[in-house]
Amino acid sequence: MKCPSCGSRRVERRPPSQISPHPGYHCRNCGLLMRGRGMLFLYLIVLAVGCGFFGLFVFFLARGEVALWQIGTAPIVGAICAVYSVRQLMRPLPRRTRDDEDDDD
């Protein structure tokens, strides 16, 4: 794989973290963090769920059906999930090289 920023082939997979078992890739030349291939759908789902939690919070609060203290942490969790997924979606993908395409067979 190649880095989309500097073109270096010194791209390595990042180790699993507490948040994700597939955190993506890291360029050892320029330090660019990249998202993993095939993770677009997952991050879009996380964004939709996060926005849904936050949207429900705003909806119930605007209608006056529940008090702010009755909602709990759902809007906070929703906002954190939405921000995390947007940050991941903004990261570029590593470029495939001919060597990577041969390894898939």
PDB file of N, CA and C in Angstrom:
ATOM      1  N   MET A   1       0.827  -1.179   0.000  1.00  0.00           N
ATOM      2  CA  MET A   1       0.000   0.000   0.000  1.00  0.00           C
ATOM      3  C   MET A   1       0.871   1.242   0.000  1.00  0.00           C
ATOM      4  N   LYS A   2       0.295   2.320  -0.500  1.00  0.00           N
ATOM      5  CA  LYS A   2       1.003   3.595  -0.557  1.00  0.00           C
ATOM      6  C   LYS A   2       0.212   4.656   0.191  1.00  0.00           C
ATOM      7  N   CYS A   3       0.946   5.587   0.745  1.00  0.00           N
ATOM      8  CA  CYS A   3       0.337   6.717   1.433  1.00  0.00           C
ATOM      9  C   CYS A   3      -0.212   7.690   0.381  1.00  0.00           C
ATOM     10  N   PRO A   4      -1.458   8.155   0.523  1.00  0.00           N
ATOM     11  CA  PRO A   4      -1.996   9.098  -0.456  1.00  0.00           C
ATOM     12  C   PRO A   4      -1.384  10.487  -0.341  1.00  0.00           C
ATOM     13  N   SER A   5      -0.734  10.785   0.764  1.00  0.00           N
ATOM     14  CA  SER A   5      -0.158  12.109   0.966  1.00  0.00           C
ATOM     15  C   SER A   5       1.257  12.210   0.406  1.00  0.00           C
ATOM     16  N   CYS A   6       2.122  11.280   0.814  1.00  0.00           N
ATOM     17  CA  CYS A   6       3.525  11.384   0.414  1.00  0.00           C
ATOM     18  C   CYS A   6       3.945  10.324  -0.605  1.00  0.00           C
ATOM     19  N   GLY A   7       3.110   9.322  -0.841  1.00  0.00           N
ATOM     20  CA  GLY A   7       3.440   8.277  -1.803  1.00  0.00           C
ATOM     21  C   GLY A   7       4.368   7.202  -1.275  1.00  0.00           C
ATOM     22  N   SER A   8       4.672   7.227  -0.001  1.00  0.00           N
ATOM     23  CA  SER A   8       5.575   6.247   0.595  1.00  0.00           C
ATOM     24  C   SER A   8       4.898   4.881   0.715  1.00  0.00           C
ATOM     25  N   ARG A   9       5.690   3.842   0.621  1.00  0.00           N
ATOM     26  CA  ARG A   9       5.193   2.472   0.815  1.00  0.00           C
ATOM     27  C   ARG A   9       5.370   2.004   2.258  1.00  0.00           C
ATOM     28  N   ARG A  10       5.742   2.907   3.139  1.00  0.00           N
ATOM     29  CA  ARG A  10       5.957   2.565   4.549  1.00  0.00           C
ATOM     30  C   ARG A  10       4.651   2.689   5.336  1.00  0.00           C
ATOM     31  N   VAL A  11       3.603   2.061   4.832  1.00  0.00           N
ATOM     32  CA  VAL A  11       2.291   2.079   5.469  1.00  0.00           C
ATOM     33  C   VAL A  11       2.132   0.781   6.244  1.00  0.00           C
ATOM     34  N   GLU A  12       1.743   0.914   7.508  1.00  0.00           N
ATOM     35  CA  GLU A  12       1.552  -0.285   8.321  1.00  0.00           C
ATOM     36  C   GLU A  12       0.201  -0.224   9.026  1.00  0.00           C
ATOM     37  N   ARG A  13      -0.310  -1.399   9.322  1.00  0.00           N
ATOM     38  CA  ARG A  13      -1.589  -1.502  10.026  1.00  0.00           C
ATOM     39  C   ARG A  13      -1.397  -1.108  11.481  1.00  0.00           C
ATOM     40  N   ARG A  14      -2.326  -0.311  12.001  1.00  0.00           N
ATOM     41  CA  ARG A  14      -2.269   0.091  13.406  1.00  0.00           C
ATOM     42  C   ARG A  14      -2.785  -1.050  14.280  1.00  0.00           C
ATOM     43  N   PRO A  15      -2.271  -1.184  15.485  1.00  0.00           N
ATOM     44  CA  PRO A  15      -2.745  -2.254  16.362  1.00  0.00           C
ATOM     45  C   PRO A  15      -4.167  -1.976  16.843  1.00  0.00           C
ATOM     46  N   PRO A  16      -4.912  -3.014  17.212  1.00  0.00           N
ATOM     47  CA  PRO A  16      -6.278  -2.812  17.719  1.00  0.00           C
ATOM     48  C   PRO A  16      -6.284  -1.914  18.949  1.00  0.00           C
ATOM     49  N   SER A  17      -7.341  -1.114  19.074  1.00  0.00           N
ATOM     50  CA  SER A  17      -7.470  -0.218  20.214  1.00  0.00           C
ATOM     51  C   SER A  17      -8.672  -0.623  21.059  1.00  0.00           C
ATOM     52  N   GLN A  18      -8.946   0.145  22.106  1.00  0.00           N
ATOM     53  CA  GLN A  18     -10.100  -0.139  22.953  1.00  0.00           C
ATOM     54  C   GLN A  18     -11.404   0.168  22.240  1.00  0.00           C
ATOM     55  N   ILE A  19     -11.362   1.026  21.240  1.00  0.00           N
ATOM     56  CA  ILE A  19     -12.575   1.419  20.524  1.00  0.00           C
ATOM     57  C   ILE A  19     -12.840   0.514  19.329  1.00  0.00           C
ATOM     58  N   SER A  20     -11.807   0.192  18.575  1.00  0.00           N
ATOM     59  CA  SER A  20     -12.007  -0.551  17.331  1.00  0.00           C
ATOM     60  C   SER A  20     -10.938  -1.627  17.146  1.00  0.00           C
ATOM     61  N   PRO A  21     -11.334  -2.823  16.697  1.00  0.00           N
ATOM     62  CA  PRO A  21     -10.330  -3.840  16.370  1.00  0.00           C
ATOM     63  C   PRO A  21      -9.664  -3.580  15.019  1.00  0.00           C
ATOM     64  N   HIS A  22     -10.206  -2.655  14.231  1.00  0.00           N
ATOM     65  CA  HIS A  22      -9.664  -2.295  12.918  1.00  0.00           C
ATOM     66  C   HIS A  22      -9.466  -0.781  12.831  1.00  0.00           C
ATOM     67  N   PRO A  23      -8.480  -0.227  13.533  1.00  0.00           N
ATOM     68  CA  PRO A  23      -8.348   1.235  13.565  1.00  0.00           C
ATOM     69  C   PRO A  23      -7.759   1.856  12.303  1.00  0.00           C
ATOM     70  N   GLY A  24      -7.271   1.065  11.366  1.00  0.00           N
ATOM     71  CA  GLY A  24      -6.779   1.626  10.120  1.00  0.00           C
ATOM     72  C   GLY A  24      -5.283   1.470   9.938  1.00  0.00           C
ATOM     73  N   TYR A  25      -4.678   2.432   9.247  1.00  0.00           N
ATOM     74  CA  TYR A  25      -3.276   2.369   8.876  1.00  0.00           C
ATOM     75  C   TYR A  25      -2.555   3.647   9.276  1.00  0.00           C
ATOM     76  N   HIS A  26      -1.238   3.562   9.294  1.00  0.00           N
ATOM     77  CA  HIS A  26      -0.389   4.683   9.696  1.00  0.00           C
ATOM     78  C   HIS A  26       0.800   4.732   8.743  1.00  0.00           C
ATOM     79  N   CYS A  27       1.082   5.904   8.197  1.00  0.00           N
ATOM     80  CA  CYS A  27       2.256   6.079   7.342  1.00  0.00           C
ATOM     81  C   CYS A  27       3.454   6.372   8.234  1.00  0.00           C
ATOM     82  N   ARG A  28       4.477   5.562   8.116  1.00  0.00           N
ATOM     83  CA  ARG A  28       5.667   5.756   8.931  1.00  0.00           C
ATOM     84  C   ARG A  28       6.557   6.864   8.383  1.00  0.00           C
ATOM     85  N   ASN A  29       6.263   7.346   7.190  1.00  0.00           N
ATOM     86  CA  ASN A  29       7.069   8.408   6.599  1.00  0.00           C
ATOM     87  C   ASN A  29       6.556   9.791   7.011  1.00  0.00           C
ATOM     88  N   CYS A  30       5.257  10.053   6.812  1.00  0.00           N
ATOM     89  CA  CYS A  30       4.713  11.381   7.101  1.00  0.00           C
ATOM     90  C   CYS A  30       3.792  11.412   8.325  1.00  0.00           C
ATOM     91  N   GLY A  31       3.441  10.251   8.871  1.00  0.00           N
ATOM     92  CA  GLY A  31       2.617  10.198  10.069  1.00  0.00           C
ATOM     93  C   GLY A  31       1.119  10.282   9.820  1.00  0.00           C
ATOM     94  N   LEU A  32       0.676  10.216   8.575  1.00  0.00           N
ATOM     95  CA  LEU A  32      -0.738  10.312   8.243  1.00  0.00           C
ATOM     96  C   LEU A  32      -1.496   9.092   8.758  1.00  0.00           C
ATOM     97  N   LEU A  33      -2.635   9.322   9.419  1.00  0.00           N
ATOM     98  CA  LEU A  33      -3.509   8.241   9.854  1.00  0.00           C
ATOM     99  C   LEU A  33      -4.560   8.027   8.782  1.00  0.00           C
ATOM    100  N   MET A  34      -4.774   6.763   8.412  1.00  0.00           N
ATOM    101  CA  MET A  34      -5.723   6.424   7.351  1.00  0.00           C
ATOM    102  C   MET A  34      -6.745   5.440   7.881  1.00  0.00           C
ATOM    103  N   ARG A  35      -7.924   5.491   7.295  1.00  0.00           N
ATOM    104  CA  ARG A  35      -8.987   4.588   7.705  1.00  0.00           C
ATOM    105  C   ARG A  35      -8.814   3.262   6.969  1.00  0.00           C
ATOM    106  N   GLY A  36      -9.315   2.193   7.566  1.00  0.00           N
ATOM    107  CA  GLY A  36      -9.205   0.874   6.960  1.00  0.00           C
ATOM    108  C   GLY A  36     -10.161   0.697   5.799  1.00  0.00           C
ATOM    109  N   ARG A  37      -9.770  -0.117   4.849  1.00  0.00           N
ATOM    110  CA  ARG A  37     -10.627  -0.408   3.708  1.00  0.00           C
ATOM    111  C   ARG A  37     -11.836  -1.214   4.179  1.00  0.00           C
ATOM    112  N   GLY A  38     -12.990  -0.930   3.617  1.00  0.00           N
ATOM    113  CA  GLY A  38     -14.201  -1.652   3.958  1.00  0.00           C
ATOM    114  C   GLY A  38     -14.889  -1.159   5.220  1.00  0.00           C
ATOM    115  N   MET A  39     -14.424  -0.078   5.807  1.00  0.00           N
ATOM    116  CA  MET A  39     -15.009   0.435   7.042  1.00  0.00           C
ATOM    117  C   MET A  39     -16.014   1.565   6.798  1.00  0.00           C
ATOM    118  N   LEU A  40     -16.218   1.964   5.562  1.00  0.00           N
ATOM    119  CA  LEU A  40     -17.123   3.065   5.246  1.00  0.00           C
ATOM    120  C   LEU A  40     -18.535   2.781   5.746  1.00  0.00           C
ATOM    121  N   PHE A  41     -19.058   1.598   5.456  1.00  0.00           N
ATOM    122  CA  PHE A  41     -20.422   1.257   5.850  1.00  0.00           C
ATOM    123  C   PHE A  41     -20.573   1.278   7.369  1.00  0.00           C
ATOM    124  N   LEU A  42     -19.600   0.739   8.082  1.00  0.00           N
ATOM    125  CA  LEU A  42     -19.660   0.720   9.544  1.00  0.00           C
ATOM    126  C   LEU A  42     -19.695   2.135  10.114  1.00  0.00           C
ATOM    127  N   TYR A  43     -18.832   3.015   9.613  1.00  0.00           N
ATOM    128  CA  TYR A  43     -18.803   4.388  10.129  1.00  0.00           C
ATOM    129  C   TYR A  43     -20.069   5.161   9.760  1.00  0.00           C
ATOM    130  N   LEU A  44     -20.681   4.851   8.626  1.00  0.00           N
ATOM    131  CA  LEU A  44     -21.955   5.481   8.279  1.00  0.00           C
ATOM    132  C   LEU A  44     -23.066   5.013   9.215  1.00  0.00           C
ATOM    133  N   ILE A  45     -23.050   3.740   9.590  1.00  0.00           N
ATOM    134  CA  ILE A  45     -24.030   3.219  10.549  1.00  0.00           C
ATOM    135  C   ILE A  45     -23.831   3.876  11.907  1.00  0.00           C
ATOM    136  N   VAL A  46     -22.585   3.994  12.360  1.00  0.00           N
ATOM    137  CA  VAL A  46     -22.301   4.639  13.641  1.00  0.00           C
ATOM    138  C   VAL A  46     -22.752   6.094  13.617  1.00  0.00           C
ATOM    139  N   LEU A  47     -22.541   6.773  12.508  1.00  0.00           N
ATOM    140  CA  LEU A  47     -22.987   8.160  12.374  1.00  0.00           C
ATOM    141  C   LEU A  47     -24.512   8.250  12.449  1.00  0.00           C
ATOM    142  N   ALA A  48     -25.202   7.341  11.779  1.00  0.00           N
ATOM    143  CA  ALA A  48     -26.671   7.357  11.798  1.00  0.00           C
ATOM    144  C   ALA A  48     -27.212   7.086  13.203  1.00  0.00           C
ATOM    145  N   VAL A  49     -26.624   6.138  13.907  1.00  0.00           N
ATOM    146  CA  VAL A  49     -27.075   5.836  15.269  1.00  0.00           C
ATOM    147  C   VAL A  49     -26.795   7.016  16.197  1.00  0.00           C
ATOM    148  N   GLY A  50     -25.627   7.602  16.093  1.00  0.00           N
ATOM    149  CA  GLY A  50     -25.282   8.745  16.933  1.00  0.00           C
ATOM    150  C   GLY A  50     -26.198   9.926  16.687  1.00  0.00           C
ATOM    151  N   CYS A  51     -26.460  10.217  15.423  1.00  0.00           N
ATOM    152  CA  CYS A  51     -27.379  11.320  15.103  1.00  0.00           C
ATOM    153  C   CYS A  51     -28.801  10.986  15.536  1.00  0.00           C
ATOM    154  N   GLY A  52     -29.168   9.715  15.475  1.00  0.00           N
ATOM    155  CA  GLY A  52     -30.499   9.304  15.924  1.00  0.00           C
ATOM    156  C   GLY A  52     -30.690   9.532  17.415  1.00  0.00           C
ATOM    157  N   PHE A  53     -29.695   9.136  18.224  1.00  0.00           N
ATOM    158  CA  PHE A  53     -29.779   9.377  19.670  1.00  0.00           C
ATOM    159  C   PHE A  53     -29.893  10.867  19.963  1.00  0.00           C
ATOM    160  N   PHE A  54     -29.061  11.637  19.306  1.00  0.00           N
ATOM    161  CA  PHE A  54     -29.082  13.083  19.550  1.00  0.00           C
ATOM    162  C   PHE A  54     -30.388  13.710  19.052  1.00  0.00           C
ATOM    163  N   GLY A  55     -30.887  13.243  17.906  1.00  0.00           N
ATOM    164  CA  GLY A  55     -32.148  13.747  17.370  1.00  0.00           C
ATOM    165  C   GLY A  55     -33.327  13.438  18.276  1.00  0.00           C
ATOM    166  N   LEU A  56     -33.359  12.237  18.843  1.00  0.00           N
ATOM    167  CA  LEU A  56     -34.425  11.894  19.789  1.00  0.00           C
ATOM    168  C   LEU A  56     -34.371  12.788  21.020  1.00  0.00           C
ATOM    169  N   PHE A  57     -33.177  13.065  21.475  1.00  0.00           N
ATOM    170  CA  PHE A  57     -33.015  13.953  22.620  1.00  0.00           C
ATOM    171  C   PHE A  57     -33.607  15.328  22.334  1.00  0.00           C
ATOM    172  N   VAL A  58     -33.271  15.885  21.194  1.00  0.00           N
ATOM    173  CA  VAL A  58     -33.777  17.205  20.827  1.00  0.00           C
ATOM    174  C   VAL A  58     -35.296  17.174  20.642  1.00  0.00           C
ATOM    175  N   PHE A  59     -35.795  16.120  20.028  1.00  0.00           N
ATOM    176  CA  PHE A  59     -37.235  15.986  19.792  1.00  0.00           C
ATOM    177  C   PHE A  59     -38.010  15.952  21.108  1.00  0.00           C
ATOM    178  N   PHE A  60     -37.600  15.078  22.027  1.00  0.00           N
ATOM    179  CA  PHE A  60     -38.307  14.960  23.302  1.00  0.00           C
ATOM    180  C   PHE A  60     -38.151  16.214  24.157  1.00  0.00           C
ATOM    181  N   LEU A  61     -36.997  16.833  24.100  1.00  0.00           N
ATOM    182  CA  LEU A  61     -36.779  18.037  24.879  1.00  0.00           C
ATOM    183  C   LEU A  61     -37.610  19.211  24.329  1.00  0.00           C
ATOM    184  N   ALA A  62     -37.722  19.306  23.012  1.00  0.00           N
ATOM    185  CA  ALA A  62     -38.490  20.386  22.394  1.00  0.00           C
ATOM    186  C   ALA A  62     -39.982  20.248  22.660  1.00  0.00           C
ATOM    187  N   ARG A  63     -40.461  19.027  22.706  1.00  0.00           N
ATOM    188  CA  ARG A  63     -41.887  18.805  22.971  1.00  0.00           C
ATOM    189  C   ARG A  63     -42.229  18.938  24.444  1.00  0.00           C
ATOM    190  N   GLY A  64     -41.231  18.942  25.292  1.00  0.00           N
ATOM    191  CA  GLY A  64     -41.458  19.093  26.725  1.00  0.00           C
ATOM    192  C   GLY A  64     -42.003  17.851  27.385  1.00  0.00           C
ATOM    193  N   GLU A  65     -41.860  16.692  26.729  1.00  0.00           N
ATOM    194  CA  GLU A  65     -42.395  15.452  27.289  1.00  0.00           C
ATOM    195  C   GLU A  65     -41.533  14.908  28.427  1.00  0.00           C
ATOM    196  N   VAL A  66     -40.261  15.198  28.401  1.00  0.00           N
ATOM    197  CA  VAL A  66     -39.360  14.725  29.457  1.00  0.00           C
ATOM    198  C   VAL A  66     -38.447  15.873  29.877  1.00  0.00           C
ATOM    199  N   ALA A  67     -37.969  15.771  31.074  1.00  0.00           N
ATOM    200  CA  ALA A  67     -37.020  16.768  31.571  1.00  0.00           C
ATOM    201  C   ALA A  67     -35.608  16.370  31.149  1.00  0.00           C
ATOM    202  N   LEU A  68     -34.727  17.320  31.202  1.00  0.00           N
ATOM    203  CA  LEU A  68     -33.345  17.088  30.783  1.00  0.00           C
ATOM    204  C   LEU A  68     -32.686  15.989  31.600  1.00  0.00           C
ATOM    205  N   TRP A  69     -32.944  15.922  32.891  1.00  0.00           N
ATOM    206  CA  TRP A  69     -32.292  14.925  33.736  1.00  0.00           C
ATOM    207  C   TRP A  69     -32.848  13.526  33.520  1.00  0.00           C
ATOM    208  N   GLN A  70     -34.024  13.380  32.904  1.00  0.00           N
ATOM    209  CA  GLN A  70     -34.619  12.069  32.659  1.00  0.00           C
ATOM    210  C   GLN A  70     -34.027  11.378  31.429  1.00  0.00           C
ATOM    211  N   ILE A  71     -33.427  12.133  30.560  1.00  0.00           N
ATOM    212  CA  ILE A  71     -32.892  11.581  29.312  1.00  0.00           C
ATOM    213  C   ILE A  71     -31.667  10.707  29.576  1.00  0.00           C
ATOM    214  N   GLY A  72     -30.828  11.094  30.496  1.00  0.00           N
ATOM    215  CA  GLY A  72     -29.626  10.322  30.787  1.00  0.00           C
ATOM    216  C   GLY A  72     -28.468  10.686  29.883  1.00  0.00           C
ATOM    217  N   THR A  73     -27.664   9.692  29.560  1.00  0.00           N
ATOM    218  CA  THR A  73     -26.441   9.933  28.797  1.00  0.00           C
ATOM    219  C   THR A  73     -26.599   9.649  27.307  1.00  0.00           C
ATOM    220  N   ALA A  74     -27.781   9.294  26.843  1.00  0.00           N
ATOM    221  CA  ALA A  74     -27.977   8.955  25.430  1.00  0.00           C
ATOM    222  C   ALA A  74     -27.531  10.069  24.482  1.00  0.00           C
ATOM    223  N   PRO A  75     -27.866  11.337  24.734  1.00  0.00           N
ATOM    224  CA  PRO A  75     -27.408  12.374  23.791  1.00  0.00           C
ATOM    225  C   PRO A  75     -25.897  12.566  23.814  1.00  0.00           C
ATOM    226  N   ILE A  76     -25.279  12.373  24.969  1.00  0.00           N
ATOM    227  CA  ILE A  76     -23.818  12.492  25.054  1.00  0.00           C
ATOM    228  C   ILE A  76     -23.160  11.376  24.271  1.00  0.00           C
ATOM    229  N   VAL A  77     -23.648  10.153  24.461  1.00  0.00           N
ATOM    230  CA  VAL A  77     -23.115   9.006  23.717  1.00  0.00           C
ATOM    231  C   VAL A  77     -23.356   9.195  22.223  1.00  0.00           C
ATOM    232  N   GLY A  78     -24.525   9.692  21.860  1.00  0.00           N
ATOM    233  CA  GLY A  78     -24.832   9.939  20.454  1.00  0.00           C
ATOM    234  C   GLY A  78     -23.893  10.957  19.835  1.00  0.00           C
ATOM    235  N   ALA A  79     -23.618  12.038  20.560  1.00  0.00           N
ATOM    236  CA  ALA A  79     -22.712  13.068  20.044  1.00  0.00           C
ATOM    237  C   ALA A  79     -21.289  12.530  19.906  1.00  0.00           C
ATOM    238  N   ILE A  80     -20.844  11.755  20.881  1.00  0.00           N
ATOM    239  CA  ILE A  80     -19.494  11.183  20.814  1.00  0.00           C
ATOM    240  C   ILE A  80     -19.379  10.227  19.630  1.00  0.00           C
ATOM    241  N   CYS A  81     -20.384   9.383  19.431  1.00  0.00           N
ATOM    242  CA  CYS A  81     -20.366   8.445  18.297  1.00  0.00           C
ATOM    243  C   CYS A  81     -20.360   9.188  16.964  1.00  0.00           C
ATOM    244  N   ALA A  82     -21.156  10.239  16.868  1.00  0.00           N
ATOM    245  CA  ALA A  82     -21.218  10.998  15.617  1.00  0.00           C
ATOM    246  C   ALA A  82     -19.887  11.686  15.320  1.00  0.00           C
ATOM    247  N   VAL A  83     -19.285  12.300  16.327  1.00  0.00           N
ATOM    248  CA  VAL A  83     -17.998  12.978  16.124  1.00  0.00           C
ATOM    249  C   VAL A  83     -16.912  11.974  15.762  1.00  0.00           C
ATOM    250  N   TYR A  84     -16.881  10.816  16.436  1.00  0.00           N
ATOM    251  CA  TYR A  84     -15.881   9.790  16.136  1.00  0.00           C
ATOM    252  C   TYR A  84     -16.025   9.294  14.698  1.00  0.00           C
ATOM    253  N   SER A  85     -17.250   9.018  14.272  1.00  0.00           N
ATOM    254  CA  SER A  85     -17.425   8.492  12.918  1.00  0.00           C
ATOM    255  C   SER A  85     -17.088   9.541  11.853  1.00  0.00           C
ATOM    256  N   VAL A  86     -17.418  10.808  12.111  1.00  0.00           N
ATOM    257  CA  VAL A  86     -17.060  11.858  11.142  1.00  0.00           C
ATOM    258  C   VAL A  86     -15.544  11.981  11.041  1.00  0.00           C
ATOM    259  N   ARG A  87     -14.848  11.916  12.182  1.00  0.00           N
ATOM    260  CA  ARG A  87     -13.380  11.979  12.157  1.00  0.00           C
ATOM    261  C   ARG A  87     -12.797  10.819  11.350  1.00  0.00           C
ATOM    262  N   GLN A  88     -13.365   9.636  11.506  1.00  0.00           N
ATOM    263  CA  GLN A  88     -12.872   8.479  10.755  1.00  0.00           C
ATOM    264  C   GLN A  88     -13.197   8.601   9.272  1.00  0.00           C
ATOM    265  N   LEU A  89     -14.381   9.102   8.959  1.00  0.00           N
ATOM    266  CA  LEU A  89     -14.760   9.250   7.548  1.00  0.00           C
ATOM    267  C   LEU A  89     -13.921  10.298   6.825  1.00  0.00           C
ATOM    268  N   MET A  90     -13.390  11.263   7.549  1.00  0.00           N
ATOM    269  CA  MET A  90     -12.563  12.307   6.945  1.00  0.00           C
ATOM    270  C   MET A  90     -11.149  11.821   6.625  1.00  0.00           C
ATOM    271  N   ARG A  91     -10.748  10.694   7.203  1.00  0.00           N
ATOM    272  CA  ARG A  91      -9.405  10.171   6.932  1.00  0.00           C
ATOM    273  C   ARG A  91      -9.358   9.528   5.556  1.00  0.00           C
ATOM    274  N   PRO A  92      -8.238   9.681   4.854  1.00  0.00           N
ATOM    275  CA  PRO A  92      -8.134   9.084   3.518  1.00  0.00           C
ATOM    276  C   PRO A  92      -7.893   7.575   3.597  1.00  0.00           C
ATOM    277  N   LEU A  93      -8.058   6.927   2.467  1.00  0.00           N
ATOM    278  CA  LEU A  93      -7.756   5.505   2.344  1.00  0.00           C
ATOM    279  C   LEU A  93      -6.350   5.338   1.795  1.00  0.00           C
ATOM    280  N   PRO A  94      -5.635   4.294   2.214  1.00  0.00           N
ATOM    281  CA  PRO A  94      -4.338   4.042   1.579  1.00  0.00           C
ATOM    282  C   PRO A  94      -4.547   3.565   0.143  1.00  0.00           C
ATOM    283  N   ARG A  95      -3.627   3.936  -0.716  1.00  0.00           N
ATOM    284  CA  ARG A  95      -3.729   3.526  -2.120  1.00  0.00           C
ATOM    285  C   ARG A  95      -3.234   2.096  -2.270  1.00  0.00           C
ATOM    286  N   ARG A  96      -3.945   1.344  -3.066  1.00  0.00           N
ATOM    287  CA  ARG A  96      -3.511  -0.032  -3.348  1.00  0.00           C
ATOM    288  C   ARG A  96      -2.373  -0.011  -4.364  1.00  0.00           C
ATOM    289  N   THR A  97      -1.480  -0.935  -4.205  1.00  0.00           N
ATOM    290  CA  THR A  97      -0.402  -1.107  -5.177  1.00  0.00           C
ATOM    291  C   THR A  97      -0.600  -2.438  -5.884  1.00  0.00           C
ATOM    292  N   ARG A  98       0.186  -2.671  -6.910  1.00  0.00           N
ATOM    293  CA  ARG A  98       0.074  -3.915  -7.653  1.00  0.00           C
ATOM    294  C   ARG A  98       0.386  -5.115  -6.775  1.00  0.00           C
ATOM    295  N   ASP A  99       1.293  -4.958  -5.828  1.00  0.00           N
ATOM    296  CA  ASP A  99       1.641  -6.047  -4.919  1.00  0.00           C
ATOM    297  C   ASP A  99       0.448  -6.421  -4.042  1.00  0.00           C
ATOM    298  N   ASP A 100      -0.343  -5.461  -3.621  1.00  0.00           N
ATOM    299  CA  ASP A 100      -1.523  -5.716  -2.786  1.00  0.00           C
ATOM    300  C   ASP A 100      -2.585  -6.482  -3.572  1.00  0.00           C
ATOM    301  N   GLU A 101      -2.754  -6.154  -4.843  1.00  0.00           N
ATOM    302  CA  GLU A 101      -3.758  -6.827  -5.659  1.00  0.00           C
ATOM    303  C   GLU A 101      -3.375  -8.281  -5.889  1.00  0.00           C
ATOM    304  N   ASP A 102      -2.081  -8.591  -5.997  1.00  0.00           N
ATOM    305  CA  ASP A 102      -1.633  -9.960  -6.162  1.00  0.00           C
ATOM    306  C   ASP A 102      -1.861 -10.783  -4.914  1.00  0.00           C
ATOM    307  N   ASP A 103      -1.777 -10.146  -3.738  1.00  0.00           N
ATOM    308  CA  ASP A 103      -1.966 -10.863  -2.469  1.00  0.00           C
ATOM    309  C   ASP A 103      -3.402 -11.275  -2.234  1.00  0.00           C
ATOM    310  N   ASP A 104      -4.367 -10.598  -2.868  1.00  0.00           N
ATOM    311  CA  ASP A 104      -5.779 -10.923  -2.677  1.00  0.00           C
ATOM    312  C   ASP A 104      -6.166 -12.234  -3.334  1.00  0.00           C
ATOM    313  N   ASP A 105      -5.429 -12.684  -4.348  1.00  0.00           N
ATOM    314  CA  ASP A 105      -5.773 -13.913  -5.079  1.00  0.00           C
ATOM    315  C   ASP A 105      -5.458 -15.162  -4.311  1.00  0.00           C
TER     316      ASP A 105
END
